Amino acid sequence: MTVTLTRQNDDYLFHATGPNQHTVSMDFNKEGAPQGASPMELLLMAIGGCNAIDIIYVLKKQRQTVRGYTVKVTGERAAVEKANPFKSARVEIYLEGDIVPAKALRAAALSFEQYCSVSMSLRGSMSIDYAVFVNGEKVTHSE
């Protein structure tokens, strides 16, 4: 896979385009309003997006009706020399619909442990944990 970033101004605004020809704006601006997401924001978005696609896919195959899906990804950064990489991320998955809670939890486990290429790519460099909520209730392993 190849992506192309093209500078859009005299500062740090880039448009990134991938093989599917969709463009994402990426920016870094300490003084004004950024015109795109930062690379670190995009990394958290990629974690949430990859897992969301997997979870929806698994739940559809299990004939679960998902009417709403929201994911919140919070990253914790560490100071390492001059960089501030993520040392961990917490993913909170909020599902609404006619969904068996145990199936939602299983779909999340499959995504994080086997399917999500983004999470798998980050394994070893940061920890990622998750929580699943179905119709406002947290799902635990005992359900």
C-alpha atoms as a PDB file:
ATOM      1  CA  MET A   1       0.000   0.000   0.000  1.00  0.00           C
ATOM      2  CA  THR A   2       1.232   3.478  -0.837  1.00  0.00           C
ATOM      3  CA  VAL A   3      -0.107   6.812   0.358  1.00  0.00           C
ATOM      4  CA  THR A   4       0.930  10.233  -0.911  1.00  0.00           C
ATOM      5  CA  LEU A   5       1.145  13.426   1.140  1.00  0.00           C
ATOM      6  CA  THR A   6       1.182  16.762  -0.668  1.00  0.00           C
ATOM      7  CA  ARG A   7       2.016  20.023   1.077  1.00  0.00           C
ATOM      8  CA  GLN A   8      -0.815  22.580   0.793  1.00  0.00           C
ATOM      9  CA  ASN A   9       0.655  25.775   2.267  1.00  0.00           C
ATOM     10  CA  ASP A  10       3.903  27.308   3.514  1.00  0.00           C
ATOM     11  CA  ASP A  11       3.513  25.632   6.904  1.00  0.00           C
ATOM     12  CA  TYR A  12       2.419  22.133   7.892  1.00  0.00           C
ATOM     13  CA  LEU A  13      -0.874  21.456   6.107  1.00  0.00           C
ATOM     14  CA  PHE A  14      -0.791  18.285   4.017  1.00  0.00           C
ATOM     15  CA  HIS A  15      -3.386  16.364   2.069  1.00  0.00           C
ATOM     16  CA  ALA A  16      -2.844  12.620   2.320  1.00  0.00           C
ATOM     17  CA  THR A  17      -4.324  10.395  -0.376  1.00  0.00           C
ATOM     18  CA  GLY A  18      -4.376   6.616  -0.400  1.00  0.00           C
ATOM     19  CA  PRO A  19      -5.062   4.008  -3.060  1.00  0.00           C
ATOM     20  CA  ASN A  20      -8.833   4.525  -2.744  1.00  0.00           C
ATOM     21  CA  GLN A  21      -8.341   8.205  -3.726  1.00  0.00           C
ATOM     22  CA  HIS A  22      -9.933   9.625  -0.543  1.00  0.00           C
ATOM     23  CA  THR A  23      -8.110  12.604   0.914  1.00  0.00           C
ATOM     24  CA  VAL A  24      -7.461  13.388   4.573  1.00  0.00           C
ATOM     25  CA  SER A  25      -6.149  16.754   5.778  1.00  0.00           C
ATOM     26  CA  MET A  26      -3.244  16.651   8.205  1.00  0.00           C
ATOM     27  CA  ASP A  27      -1.911  19.736   9.964  1.00  0.00           C
ATOM     28  CA  PHE A  28       0.222  20.983  12.823  1.00  0.00           C
ATOM     29  CA  ASN A  29      -0.397  24.530  13.978  1.00  0.00           C
ATOM     30  CA  LYS A  30       0.516  25.769  17.450  1.00  0.00           C
ATOM     31  CA  GLU A  31      -0.525  29.379  16.839  1.00  0.00           C
ATOM     32  CA  GLY A  32      -3.819  29.210  14.951  1.00  0.00           C
ATOM     33  CA  ALA A  33      -6.606  26.818  14.212  1.00  0.00           C
ATOM     34  CA  PRO A  34      -5.333  23.662  12.511  1.00  0.00           C
ATOM     35  CA  GLN A  35      -6.916  22.814   9.160  1.00  0.00           C
ATOM     36  CA  GLY A  36      -6.665  19.079   9.668  1.00  0.00           C
ATOM     37  CA  ALA A  37      -6.037  16.350  12.201  1.00  0.00           C
ATOM     38  CA  SER A  38      -2.570  15.857  13.639  1.00  0.00           C
ATOM     39  CA  PRO A  39      -0.700  12.640  12.810  1.00  0.00           C
ATOM     40  CA  MET A  40      -1.173  11.485  16.418  1.00  0.00           C
ATOM     41  CA  GLU A  41      -4.929  12.154  16.234  1.00  0.00           C
ATOM     42  CA  LEU A  42      -5.060  10.143  13.023  1.00  0.00           C
ATOM     43  CA  LEU A  43      -3.313   7.244  14.750  1.00  0.00           C
ATOM     44  CA  LEU A  44      -6.015   7.115  17.442  1.00  0.00           C
ATOM     45  CA  MET A  45      -8.698   7.466  14.758  1.00  0.00           C
ATOM     46  CA  ALA A  46      -7.139   4.546  12.881  1.00  0.00           C
ATOM     47  CA  ILE A  47      -7.291   2.344  15.987  1.00  0.00           C
ATOM     48  CA  GLY A  48     -10.959   3.206  16.535  1.00  0.00           C
ATOM     49  CA  GLY A  49     -11.899   2.908  12.873  1.00  0.00           C
ATOM     50  CA  CYS A  50     -10.197  -0.416  12.249  1.00  0.00           C
ATOM     51  CA  ASN A  51     -11.786  -2.019  15.291  1.00  0.00           C
ATOM     52  CA  ALA A  52     -15.202  -0.484  14.524  1.00  0.00           C
ATOM     53  CA  ILE A  53     -15.221  -1.994  11.036  1.00  0.00           C
ATOM     54  CA  ASP A  54     -14.258  -5.421  12.401  1.00  0.00           C
ATOM     55  CA  ILE A  55     -16.838  -5.338  15.196  1.00  0.00           C
ATOM     56  CA  ILE A  56     -19.679  -4.247  12.913  1.00  0.00           C
ATOM     57  CA  TYR A  57     -18.681  -6.941  10.406  1.00  0.00           C
ATOM     58  CA  VAL A  58     -18.700  -9.699  13.049  1.00  0.00           C
ATOM     59  CA  LEU A  59     -21.985  -8.535  14.556  1.00  0.00           C
ATOM     60  CA  LYS A  60     -23.662  -8.399  11.129  1.00  0.00           C
ATOM     61  CA  LYS A  61     -22.554 -11.978  10.457  1.00  0.00           C
ATOM     62  CA  GLN A  62     -24.125 -12.928  13.798  1.00  0.00           C
ATOM     63  CA  ARG A  63     -27.390 -11.216  12.727  1.00  0.00           C
ATOM     64  CA  GLN A  64     -27.184  -8.583  15.440  1.00  0.00           C
ATOM     65  CA  THR A  65     -28.935  -5.275  14.708  1.00  0.00           C
ATOM     66  CA  VAL A  66     -26.588  -2.368  15.363  1.00  0.00           C
ATOM     67  CA  ARG A  67     -28.459   0.943  15.226  1.00  0.00           C
ATOM     68  CA  GLY A  68     -25.755   3.090  16.766  1.00  0.00           C
ATOM     69  CA  TYR A  69     -21.998   2.834  17.177  1.00  0.00           C
ATOM     70  CA  THR A  70     -19.728   5.340  18.867  1.00  0.00           C
ATOM     71  CA  VAL A  71     -16.136   4.742  19.819  1.00  0.00           C
ATOM     72  CA  LYS A  72     -13.961   6.922  22.049  1.00  0.00           C
ATOM     73  CA  VAL A  73     -10.202   6.375  21.920  1.00  0.00           C
ATOM     74  CA  THR A  74      -8.000   8.024  24.536  1.00  0.00           C
ATOM     75  CA  GLY A  75      -4.238   7.896  24.171  1.00  0.00           C
ATOM     76  CA  GLU A  76      -1.692   8.375  26.915  1.00  0.00           C
ATOM     77  CA  ARG A  77       1.644   9.716  25.787  1.00  0.00           C
ATOM     78  CA  ALA A  78       5.132   9.304  27.218  1.00  0.00           C
ATOM     79  CA  ALA A  79       8.174  11.538  26.911  1.00  0.00           C
ATOM     80  CA  VAL A  80      10.919   9.666  25.063  1.00  0.00           C
ATOM     81  CA  GLU A  81      13.920  11.789  24.126  1.00  0.00           C
ATOM     82  CA  LYS A  82      12.383  14.514  21.907  1.00  0.00           C
ATOM     83  CA  ALA A  83       9.247  12.636  20.896  1.00  0.00           C
ATOM     84  CA  ASN A  84       6.005  11.945  22.763  1.00  0.00           C
ATOM     85  CA  PRO A  85       4.790   8.564  21.493  1.00  0.00           C
ATOM     86  CA  PHE A  86       1.672   6.886  22.784  1.00  0.00           C
ATOM     87  CA  LYS A  87       2.408   4.381  25.525  1.00  0.00           C
ATOM     88  CA  SER A  88      -1.197   3.222  25.781  1.00  0.00           C
ATOM     89  CA  ALA A  89      -4.684   3.672  24.417  1.00  0.00           C
ATOM     90  CA  ARG A  90      -8.091   3.031  25.959  1.00  0.00           C
ATOM     91  CA  VAL A  91     -10.935   2.257  23.551  1.00  0.00           C
ATOM     92  CA  GLU A  92     -14.531   2.617  24.730  1.00  0.00           C
ATOM     93  CA  ILE A  93     -17.100   1.097  22.376  1.00  0.00           C
ATOM     94  CA  TYR A  94     -20.740   2.173  22.692  1.00  0.00           C
ATOM     95  CA  LEU A  95     -23.249   0.050  20.789  1.00  0.00           C
ATOM     96  CA  GLU A  96     -27.002   0.589  20.500  1.00  0.00           C
ATOM     97  CA  GLY A  97     -29.468  -1.903  19.101  1.00  0.00           C
ATOM     98  CA  ASP A  98     -30.744  -5.441  19.381  1.00  0.00           C
ATOM     99  CA  ILE A  99     -27.412  -6.935  20.378  1.00  0.00           C
ATOM    100  CA  VAL A 100     -26.613  -9.849  22.670  1.00  0.00           C
ATOM    101  CA  PRO A 101     -23.974  -8.371  25.032  1.00  0.00           C
ATOM    102  CA  ALA A 102     -21.803 -11.499  24.995  1.00  0.00           C
ATOM    103  CA  LYS A 103     -21.691 -11.367  21.184  1.00  0.00           C
ATOM    104  CA  ALA A 104     -20.577  -7.726  21.293  1.00  0.00           C
ATOM    105  CA  LEU A 105     -17.793  -8.567  23.733  1.00  0.00           C
ATOM    106  CA  ARG A 106     -16.713 -11.522  21.601  1.00  0.00           C
ATOM    107  CA  ALA A 107     -16.683  -9.368  18.453  1.00  0.00           C
ATOM    108  CA  ALA A 108     -14.447  -6.831  20.213  1.00  0.00           C
ATOM    109  CA  ALA A 109     -12.099  -9.566  21.435  1.00  0.00           C
ATOM    110  CA  LEU A 110     -11.794 -10.989  17.911  1.00  0.00           C
ATOM    111  CA  SER A 111     -11.031  -7.552  16.524  1.00  0.00           C
ATOM    112  CA  PHE A 112      -8.397  -6.586  19.080  1.00  0.00           C
ATOM    113  CA  GLU A 113      -6.768 -10.014  19.293  1.00  0.00           C
ATOM    114  CA  GLN A 114      -6.939 -11.288  15.705  1.00  0.00           C
ATOM    115  CA  TYR A 115      -8.400  -9.055  12.989  1.00  0.00           C
ATOM    116  CA  CYS A 116      -7.453  -5.383  13.335  1.00  0.00           C
ATOM    117  CA  SER A 117      -4.292  -4.701  11.341  1.00  0.00           C
ATOM    118  CA  VAL A 118      -3.817  -1.311  13.012  1.00  0.00           C
ATOM    119  CA  SER A 119      -3.906  -2.712  16.550  1.00  0.00           C
ATOM    120  CA  MET A 120      -1.668  -5.595  15.495  1.00  0.00           C
ATOM    121  CA  SER A 121       0.832  -3.175  13.923  1.00  0.00           C
ATOM    122  CA  LEU A 122       1.117  -1.309  17.222  1.00  0.00           C
ATOM    123  CA  ARG A 123       1.524  -4.409  19.367  1.00  0.00           C
ATOM    124  CA  GLY A 124       4.788  -4.253  21.291  1.00  0.00           C
ATOM    125  CA  SER A 125       5.058  -0.474  21.082  1.00  0.00           C
ATOM    126  CA  MET A 126       1.935   0.456  23.051  1.00  0.00           C
ATOM    127  CA  SER A 127      -0.786  -1.262  25.025  1.00  0.00           C
ATOM    128  CA  ILE A 128      -4.408  -1.062  23.913  1.00  0.00           C
ATOM    129  CA  ASP A 129      -7.286  -2.029  26.175  1.00  0.00           C
ATOM    130  CA  TYR A 130     -11.010  -1.732  25.590  1.00  0.00           C
ATOM    131  CA  ALA A 131     -14.430  -1.667  27.191  1.00  0.00           C
ATOM    132  CA  VAL A 132     -17.752  -2.514  25.533  1.00  0.00           C
ATOM    133  CA  PHE A 133     -21.101  -0.930  26.377  1.00  0.00           C
ATOM    134  CA  VAL A 134     -24.391  -2.188  24.924  1.00  0.00           C
ATOM    135  CA  ASN A 135     -27.428   0.069  25.270  1.00  0.00           C
ATOM    136  CA  GLY A 136     -25.691   2.039  28.018  1.00  0.00           C
ATOM    137  CA  GLU A 137     -24.619  -0.971  30.096  1.00  0.00           C
ATOM    138  CA  LYS A 138     -20.996  -2.076  30.434  1.00  0.00           C
ATOM    139  CA  VAL A 139     -20.495  -5.642  29.237  1.00  0.00           C
ATOM    140  CA  THR A 140     -18.333  -7.911  31.382  1.00  0.00           C
ATOM    141  CA  HIS A 141     -17.010 -11.407  30.771  1.00  0.00           C
ATOM    142  CA  SER A 142     -19.618 -12.963  33.051  1.00  0.00           C
ATOM    143  CA  GLU A 143     -22.542 -11.977  30.762  1.00  0.00           C
END
